Amino acid sequence: MADASLYDRGIATRRAVLGDTHVDGATARMSEFDHDFQSFITEGAWGSVWSRPGISRRERSMITLALLAALGHDEELAMHVRATANTGASPEDIKEALLHVAVYAGVPAANRAFRIAREQLEKRQEAAQ
């Protein structure tokens, strides 16, 4: 771990966005092989980028959703749709981000992303009932 404060800030942000259950699961599955990678993600993505001032977690969430959808990273997209419960990005925000995907990354990418987002939002709604 190169920077303990960066890691600490990252793990706090990661927990706030993805939730304790997700982070605890990722930590439990961590092995000697991927320990450095998990530290890199926590420090780089969560400690540096997601923890920066300037834009809100809601805005970061929308940017992340659009990028993951455009790149076809379906599992990460589903995870980040679930995380919108913690970031403040609404279903309307998700829809708007994915409409941008359709224009700038293509309709097939957006079609897949809309399906994934709809499934995750339906699961959230069912769990809330």
N, C-alpha and C. Protein backbone atom coordinates (compact mmCIF):
# COMPACT_ATOMS: atom_id res chain seq x y z
N MET A 1 0.85 -1.16 0.00
CA MET A 1 0.00 0.00 0.00
C MET A 1 0.90 1.23 0.00
N ALA A 2 0.82 2.03 -1.05
CA ALA A 2 1.72 3.16 -1.20
C ALA A 2 1.35 4.32 -0.30
N ASP A 3 0.07 4.57 -0.08
CA ASP A 3 -0.35 5.74 0.67
C ASP A 3 -1.52 5.36 1.56
N ALA A 4 -1.26 5.21 2.86
CA ALA A 4 -2.30 4.76 3.79
C ALA A 4 -3.48 5.72 3.82
N SER A 5 -3.23 7.03 3.77
CA SER A 5 -4.35 7.98 3.82
C SER A 5 -5.20 7.88 2.55
N LEU A 6 -4.57 7.67 1.41
CA LEU A 6 -5.30 7.50 0.17
C LEU A 6 -6.14 6.22 0.22
N TYR A 7 -5.56 5.17 0.77
CA TYR A 7 -6.31 3.92 0.92
C TYR A 7 -7.49 4.11 1.88
N ASP A 8 -7.25 4.75 3.00
CA ASP A 8 -8.31 4.96 3.99
C ASP A 8 -9.45 5.80 3.41
N ARG A 9 -9.09 6.88 2.70
CA ARG A 9 -10.11 7.71 2.06
C ARG A 9 -10.85 6.89 1.01
N GLY A 10 -10.11 6.08 0.26
CA GLY A 10 -10.71 5.25 -0.78
C GLY A 10 -11.66 4.21 -0.24
N ILE A 11 -11.28 3.54 0.84
CA ILE A 11 -12.15 2.49 1.39
C ILE A 11 -13.42 3.12 1.95
N ALA A 12 -13.30 4.31 2.55
CA ALA A 12 -14.49 5.00 3.07
C ALA A 12 -15.43 5.39 1.93
N THR A 13 -14.88 5.91 0.85
CA THR A 13 -15.70 6.30 -0.30
C THR A 13 -16.30 5.06 -0.97
N ARG A 14 -15.51 4.03 -1.13
CA ARG A 14 -15.98 2.78 -1.73
C ARG A 14 -17.15 2.22 -0.94
N ARG A 15 -17.04 2.23 0.39
CA ARG A 15 -18.13 1.75 1.24
C ARG A 15 -19.37 2.63 1.11
N ALA A 16 -19.17 3.94 1.04
CA ALA A 16 -20.29 4.87 0.93
C ALA A 16 -21.05 4.69 -0.39
N VAL A 17 -20.32 4.41 -1.46
CA VAL A 17 -20.94 4.28 -2.78
C VAL A 17 -21.47 2.87 -3.01
N LEU A 18 -20.65 1.85 -2.78
CA LEU A 18 -21.03 0.48 -3.12
C LEU A 18 -21.71 -0.26 -1.96
N GLY A 19 -21.51 0.21 -0.76
CA GLY A 19 -22.11 -0.42 0.41
C GLY A 19 -21.17 -1.38 1.09
N ASP A 20 -21.39 -1.54 2.39
CA ASP A 20 -20.54 -2.42 3.20
C ASP A 20 -20.59 -3.86 2.71
N THR A 21 -21.76 -4.34 2.34
CA THR A 21 -21.90 -5.74 1.91
C THR A 21 -21.00 -6.03 0.72
N HIS A 22 -21.02 -5.14 -0.27
CA HIS A 22 -20.18 -5.34 -1.46
C HIS A 22 -18.70 -5.31 -1.10
N VAL A 23 -18.30 -4.29 -0.35
CA VAL A 23 -16.88 -4.14 -0.01
C VAL A 23 -16.41 -5.28 0.88
N ASP A 24 -17.24 -5.68 1.85
CA ASP A 24 -16.87 -6.81 2.71
C ASP A 24 -16.72 -8.09 1.89
N GLY A 25 -17.60 -8.28 0.90
CA GLY A 25 -17.50 -9.46 0.03
C GLY A 25 -16.24 -9.44 -0.81
N ALA A 26 -15.93 -8.28 -1.38
CA ALA A 26 -14.71 -8.15 -2.19
C ALA A 26 -13.48 -8.40 -1.33
N THR A 27 -13.50 -7.89 -0.12
CA THR A 27 -12.37 -8.08 0.80
C THR A 27 -12.23 -9.56 1.17
N ALA A 28 -13.34 -10.21 1.43
CA ALA A 28 -13.32 -11.63 1.81
C ALA A 28 -12.80 -12.51 0.67
N ARG A 29 -13.10 -12.12 -0.56
CA ARG A 29 -12.66 -12.91 -1.73
C ARG A 29 -11.23 -12.59 -2.15
N MET A 30 -10.65 -11.56 -1.58
CA MET A 30 -9.32 -11.13 -1.97
C MET A 30 -8.29 -12.22 -1.63
N SER A 31 -7.38 -12.41 -2.56
CA SER A 31 -6.33 -13.39 -2.35
C SER A 31 -4.97 -12.69 -2.43
N GLU A 32 -3.94 -13.44 -2.16
CA GLU A 32 -2.59 -12.89 -2.30
C GLU A 32 -2.37 -12.44 -3.74
N PHE A 33 -2.93 -13.17 -4.68
CA PHE A 33 -2.77 -12.86 -6.10
C PHE A 33 -3.34 -11.49 -6.46
N ASP A 34 -4.54 -11.16 -5.96
CA ASP A 34 -5.17 -9.91 -6.38
C ASP A 34 -5.16 -8.82 -5.31
N HIS A 35 -4.44 -9.03 -4.22
CA HIS A 35 -4.38 -8.04 -3.16
C HIS A 35 -3.89 -6.68 -3.67
N ASP A 36 -2.81 -6.68 -4.45
CA ASP A 36 -2.27 -5.42 -4.97
C ASP A 36 -3.25 -4.74 -5.90
N PHE A 37 -3.98 -5.52 -6.69
CA PHE A 37 -4.99 -4.96 -7.59
C PHE A 37 -6.11 -4.30 -6.79
N GLN A 38 -6.59 -4.96 -5.73
CA GLN A 38 -7.64 -4.39 -4.90
C GLN A 38 -7.17 -3.10 -4.22
N SER A 39 -5.92 -3.07 -3.79
CA SER A 39 -5.37 -1.84 -3.21
C SER A 39 -5.30 -0.74 -4.26
N PHE A 40 -4.89 -1.09 -5.46
CA PHE A 40 -4.82 -0.13 -6.57
C PHE A 40 -6.20 0.48 -6.84
N ILE A 41 -7.24 -0.36 -6.91
CA ILE A 41 -8.60 0.13 -7.15
C ILE A 41 -9.02 1.07 -6.02
N THR A 42 -8.79 0.63 -4.79
CA THR A 42 -9.21 1.42 -3.64
C THR A 42 -8.51 2.77 -3.60
N GLU A 43 -7.21 2.77 -3.85
CA GLU A 43 -6.46 4.03 -3.82
C GLU A 43 -6.74 4.89 -5.05
N GLY A 44 -6.69 4.28 -6.22
CA GLY A 44 -6.80 5.05 -7.46
C GLY A 44 -8.21 5.48 -7.80
N ALA A 45 -9.10 4.51 -7.93
CA ALA A 45 -10.47 4.84 -8.32
C ALA A 45 -11.22 5.54 -7.18
N TRP A 46 -11.15 4.94 -5.99
CA TRP A 46 -11.97 5.42 -4.89
C TRP A 46 -11.29 6.51 -4.07
N GLY A 47 -10.01 6.38 -3.81
CA GLY A 47 -9.30 7.37 -2.99
C GLY A 47 -8.95 8.63 -3.75
N SER A 48 -8.67 8.49 -5.03
CA SER A 48 -8.30 9.65 -5.84
C SER A 48 -9.49 10.21 -6.60
N VAL A 49 -10.01 9.47 -7.55
CA VAL A 49 -11.02 10.01 -8.46
C VAL A 49 -12.38 10.20 -7.77
N TRP A 50 -12.93 9.16 -7.19
CA TRP A 50 -14.26 9.26 -6.57
C TRP A 50 -14.27 10.18 -5.35
N SER A 51 -13.14 10.44 -4.74
CA SER A 51 -13.08 11.29 -3.54
C SER A 51 -12.74 12.75 -3.85
N ARG A 52 -12.53 13.06 -5.11
CA ARG A 52 -12.17 14.44 -5.47
C ARG A 52 -13.35 15.39 -5.25
N PRO A 53 -13.02 16.64 -4.92
CA PRO A 53 -14.08 17.66 -4.90
C PRO A 53 -14.36 18.10 -6.34
N GLY A 54 -15.37 18.85 -6.52
CA GLY A 54 -15.61 19.44 -7.84
C GLY A 54 -16.91 18.99 -8.48
N ILE A 55 -17.19 17.70 -8.44
CA ILE A 55 -18.49 17.22 -8.90
C ILE A 55 -19.02 16.24 -7.85
N SER A 56 -20.32 16.09 -7.85
CA SER A 56 -20.97 15.28 -6.82
C SER A 56 -20.85 13.78 -7.13
N ARG A 57 -21.14 12.99 -6.14
CA ARG A 57 -21.19 11.54 -6.36
C ARG A 57 -22.28 11.18 -7.36
N ARG A 58 -23.37 11.92 -7.34
CA ARG A 58 -24.44 11.70 -8.33
C ARG A 58 -23.89 11.89 -9.75
N GLU A 59 -23.16 12.97 -9.97
CA GLU A 59 -22.59 13.23 -11.29
C GLU A 59 -21.54 12.19 -11.65
N ARG A 60 -20.69 11.82 -10.69
CA ARG A 60 -19.69 10.77 -10.96
C ARG A 60 -20.37 9.46 -11.31
N SER A 61 -21.45 9.19 -10.63
CA SER A 61 -22.21 7.97 -10.88
C SER A 61 -22.74 7.95 -12.32
N MET A 62 -23.30 9.06 -12.76
CA MET A 62 -23.84 9.14 -14.12
C MET A 62 -22.74 8.99 -15.17
N ILE A 63 -21.60 9.62 -14.93
CA ILE A 63 -20.47 9.48 -15.86
C ILE A 63 -20.01 8.03 -15.91
N THR A 64 -19.90 7.41 -14.74
CA THR A 64 -19.45 6.02 -14.66
C THR A 64 -20.41 5.10 -15.39
N LEU A 65 -21.71 5.30 -15.19
CA LEU A 65 -22.70 4.47 -15.88
C LEU A 65 -22.56 4.59 -17.39
N ALA A 66 -22.41 5.81 -17.87
CA ALA A 66 -22.29 6.01 -19.33
C ALA A 66 -21.03 5.33 -19.87
N LEU A 67 -19.92 5.48 -19.16
CA LEU A 67 -18.68 4.86 -19.62
C LEU A 67 -18.75 3.34 -19.61
N LEU A 68 -19.26 2.78 -18.53
CA LEU A 68 -19.37 1.32 -18.45
C LEU A 68 -20.31 0.78 -19.51
N ALA A 69 -21.40 1.48 -19.74
CA ALA A 69 -22.35 1.05 -20.78
C ALA A 69 -21.69 1.12 -22.16
N ALA A 70 -21.00 2.21 -22.43
CA ALA A 70 -20.37 2.39 -23.74
C ALA A 70 -19.30 1.33 -24.00
N LEU A 71 -18.61 0.92 -22.94
CA LEU A 71 -17.55 -0.07 -23.08
C LEU A 71 -18.03 -1.51 -22.97
N GLY A 72 -19.31 -1.68 -22.66
CA GLY A 72 -19.87 -3.03 -22.57
C GLY A 72 -19.47 -3.80 -21.33
N HIS A 73 -19.18 -3.11 -20.25
CA HIS A 73 -18.78 -3.76 -19.00
C HIS A 73 -20.03 -4.02 -18.15
N ASP A 74 -20.75 -5.07 -18.52
CA ASP A 74 -22.08 -5.33 -17.98
C ASP A 74 -22.12 -5.58 -16.48
N GLU A 75 -21.20 -6.36 -15.95
CA GLU A 75 -21.21 -6.63 -14.50
C GLU A 75 -20.94 -5.37 -13.70
N GLU A 76 -19.98 -4.58 -14.14
CA GLU A 76 -19.68 -3.33 -13.46
C GLU A 76 -20.85 -2.35 -13.61
N LEU A 77 -21.49 -2.34 -14.78
CA LEU A 77 -22.65 -1.48 -14.99
C LEU A 77 -23.75 -1.84 -14.00
N ALA A 78 -24.06 -3.12 -13.87
CA ALA A 78 -25.09 -3.56 -12.93
C ALA A 78 -24.73 -3.13 -11.51
N MET A 79 -23.48 -3.31 -11.12
CA MET A 79 -23.03 -2.92 -9.78
C MET A 79 -23.22 -1.42 -9.56
N HIS A 80 -22.89 -0.62 -10.56
CA HIS A 80 -23.00 0.82 -10.40
C HIS A 80 -24.44 1.31 -10.50
N VAL A 81 -25.30 0.58 -11.20
CA VAL A 81 -26.73 0.91 -11.15
C VAL A 81 -27.23 0.67 -9.72
N ARG A 82 -26.84 -0.46 -9.13
CA ARG A 82 -27.22 -0.72 -7.73
C ARG A 82 -26.69 0.38 -6.81
N ALA A 83 -25.49 0.87 -7.09
CA ALA A 83 -24.87 1.89 -6.24
C ALA A 83 -25.60 3.23 -6.31
N THR A 84 -26.41 3.45 -7.33
CA THR A 84 -27.13 4.73 -7.41
C THR A 84 -28.05 4.93 -6.21
N ALA A 85 -28.39 3.85 -5.51
CA ALA A 85 -29.17 3.99 -4.28
C ALA A 85 -28.39 4.80 -3.25
N ASN A 86 -27.07 4.82 -3.37
CA ASN A 86 -26.20 5.54 -2.43
C ASN A 86 -25.64 6.84 -2.99
N THR A 87 -25.69 7.02 -4.30
CA THR A 87 -25.06 8.20 -4.90
C THR A 87 -26.04 9.34 -5.17
N GLY A 88 -27.33 9.03 -5.13
CA GLY A 88 -28.33 10.05 -5.41
C GLY A 88 -28.73 10.15 -6.86
N ALA A 89 -28.15 9.32 -7.72
CA ALA A 89 -28.57 9.31 -9.13
C ALA A 89 -29.91 8.58 -9.21
N SER A 90 -30.90 9.25 -9.75
CA SER A 90 -32.26 8.72 -9.83
C SER A 90 -32.42 7.85 -11.09
N PRO A 91 -33.49 7.09 -11.16
CA PRO A 91 -33.77 6.37 -12.40
C PRO A 91 -33.83 7.31 -13.62
N GLU A 92 -34.35 8.51 -13.43
CA GLU A 92 -34.37 9.50 -14.52
C GLU A 92 -32.95 9.88 -14.93
N ASP A 93 -32.05 10.05 -13.95
CA ASP A 93 -30.65 10.34 -14.24
C ASP A 93 -30.00 9.21 -15.02
N ILE A 94 -30.29 7.98 -14.62
CA ILE A 94 -29.74 6.81 -15.31
C ILE A 94 -30.21 6.80 -16.75
N LYS A 95 -31.50 7.04 -16.94
CA LYS A 95 -32.05 7.07 -18.29
C LYS A 95 -31.36 8.12 -19.15
N GLU A 96 -31.17 9.31 -18.60
CA GLU A 96 -30.52 10.38 -19.36
C GLU A 96 -29.08 10.02 -19.72
N ALA A 97 -28.35 9.42 -18.79
CA ALA A 97 -26.97 9.01 -19.08
C ALA A 97 -26.95 7.97 -20.19
N LEU A 98 -27.89 7.03 -20.15
CA LEU A 98 -27.92 5.97 -21.16
C LEU A 98 -28.40 6.47 -22.52
N LEU A 99 -29.22 7.50 -22.54
CA LEU A 99 -29.58 8.12 -23.82
C LEU A 99 -28.35 8.73 -24.49
N HIS A 100 -27.45 9.30 -23.69
CA HIS A 100 -26.20 9.80 -24.24
C HIS A 100 -25.36 8.66 -24.82
N VAL A 101 -25.40 7.53 -24.17
CA VAL A 101 -24.68 6.36 -24.68
C VAL A 101 -25.20 6.01 -26.07
N ALA A 102 -26.51 6.04 -26.25
CA ALA A 102 -27.09 5.70 -27.55
C ALA A 102 -26.56 6.61 -28.64
N VAL A 103 -26.46 7.89 -28.36
CA VAL A 103 -26.00 8.85 -29.36
C VAL A 103 -24.50 8.73 -29.62
N TYR A 104 -23.71 8.61 -28.55
CA TYR A 104 -22.26 8.70 -28.70
C TYR A 104 -21.54 7.36 -28.76
N ALA A 105 -22.18 6.29 -28.31
CA ALA A 105 -21.51 4.98 -28.34
C ALA A 105 -22.31 3.94 -29.12
N GLY A 106 -23.53 4.27 -29.49
CA GLY A 106 -24.32 3.37 -30.32
C GLY A 106 -25.54 2.79 -29.61
N VAL A 107 -26.55 2.59 -30.43
CA VAL A 107 -27.82 2.05 -29.93
C VAL A 107 -27.65 0.65 -29.33
N PRO A 108 -26.88 -0.26 -29.94
CA PRO A 108 -26.75 -1.59 -29.31
C PRO A 108 -26.18 -1.53 -27.89
N ALA A 109 -25.20 -0.67 -27.66
CA ALA A 109 -24.64 -0.54 -26.31
C ALA A 109 -25.69 0.00 -25.35
N ALA A 110 -26.44 1.00 -25.79
CA ALA A 110 -27.48 1.58 -24.93
C ALA A 110 -28.61 0.59 -24.71
N ASN A 111 -28.97 -0.17 -25.72
CA ASN A 111 -30.03 -1.17 -25.59
C ASN A 111 -29.68 -2.17 -24.50
N ARG A 112 -28.46 -2.68 -24.54
CA ARG A 112 -27.99 -3.62 -23.53
C ARG A 112 -27.98 -2.96 -22.15
N ALA A 113 -27.50 -1.73 -22.08
CA ALA A 113 -27.41 -1.02 -20.81
C ALA A 113 -28.79 -0.71 -20.23
N PHE A 114 -29.74 -0.33 -21.08
CA PHE A 114 -31.10 -0.10 -20.60
C PHE A 114 -31.69 -1.38 -20.01
N ARG A 115 -31.43 -2.52 -20.64
CA ARG A 115 -31.93 -3.80 -20.13
C ARG A 115 -31.34 -4.08 -18.75
N ILE A 116 -30.04 -3.91 -18.62
CA ILE A 116 -29.36 -4.17 -17.35
C ILE A 116 -29.87 -3.21 -16.28
N ALA A 117 -29.97 -1.93 -16.60
CA ALA A 117 -30.44 -0.94 -15.63
C ALA A 117 -31.87 -1.24 -15.21
N ARG A 118 -32.72 -1.55 -16.15
CA ARG A 118 -34.12 -1.87 -15.83
C ARG A 118 -34.19 -3.05 -14.88
N GLU A 119 -33.43 -4.12 -15.16
CA GLU A 119 -33.42 -5.29 -14.29
C GLU A 119 -32.98 -4.94 -12.88
N GLN A 120 -31.93 -4.15 -12.76
CA GLN A 120 -31.41 -3.77 -11.43
C GLN A 120 -32.40 -2.88 -10.68
N LEU A 121 -33.02 -1.95 -11.39
CA LEU A 121 -34.00 -1.07 -10.75
C LEU A 121 -35.25 -1.85 -10.33
N GLU A 122 -35.67 -2.82 -11.14
CA GLU A 122 -36.81 -3.66 -10.76
C GLU A 122 -36.49 -4.48 -9.52
N LYS A 123 -35.27 -5.02 -9.44
CA LYS A 123 -34.86 -5.78 -8.25
C LYS A 123 -34.87 -4.87 -7.02
N ARG A 124 -34.41 -3.65 -7.17
CA ARG A 124 -34.41 -2.70 -6.04
C ARG A 124 -35.83 -2.43 -5.58
N GLN A 125 -36.71 -2.23 -6.55
CA GLN A 125 -38.11 -1.93 -6.21
C GLN A 125 -38.77 -3.13 -5.53
N GLU A 126 -38.51 -4.34 -6.00
CA GLU A 126 -39.06 -5.54 -5.39
C GLU A 126 -38.54 -5.70 -3.97
N ALA A 127 -37.29 -5.42 -3.75
CA ALA A 127 -36.69 -5.57 -2.41
C ALA A 127 -37.27 -4.55 -1.44
N ALA A 128 -37.70 -3.39 -1.96
CA ALA A 128 -38.25 -2.35 -1.11
C ALA A 128 -39.70 -2.64 -0.69
N GLN A 129 -40.34 -3.55 -1.37
CA GLN A 129 -41.76 -3.84 -1.06
C GLN A 129 -41.91 -4.83 0.05
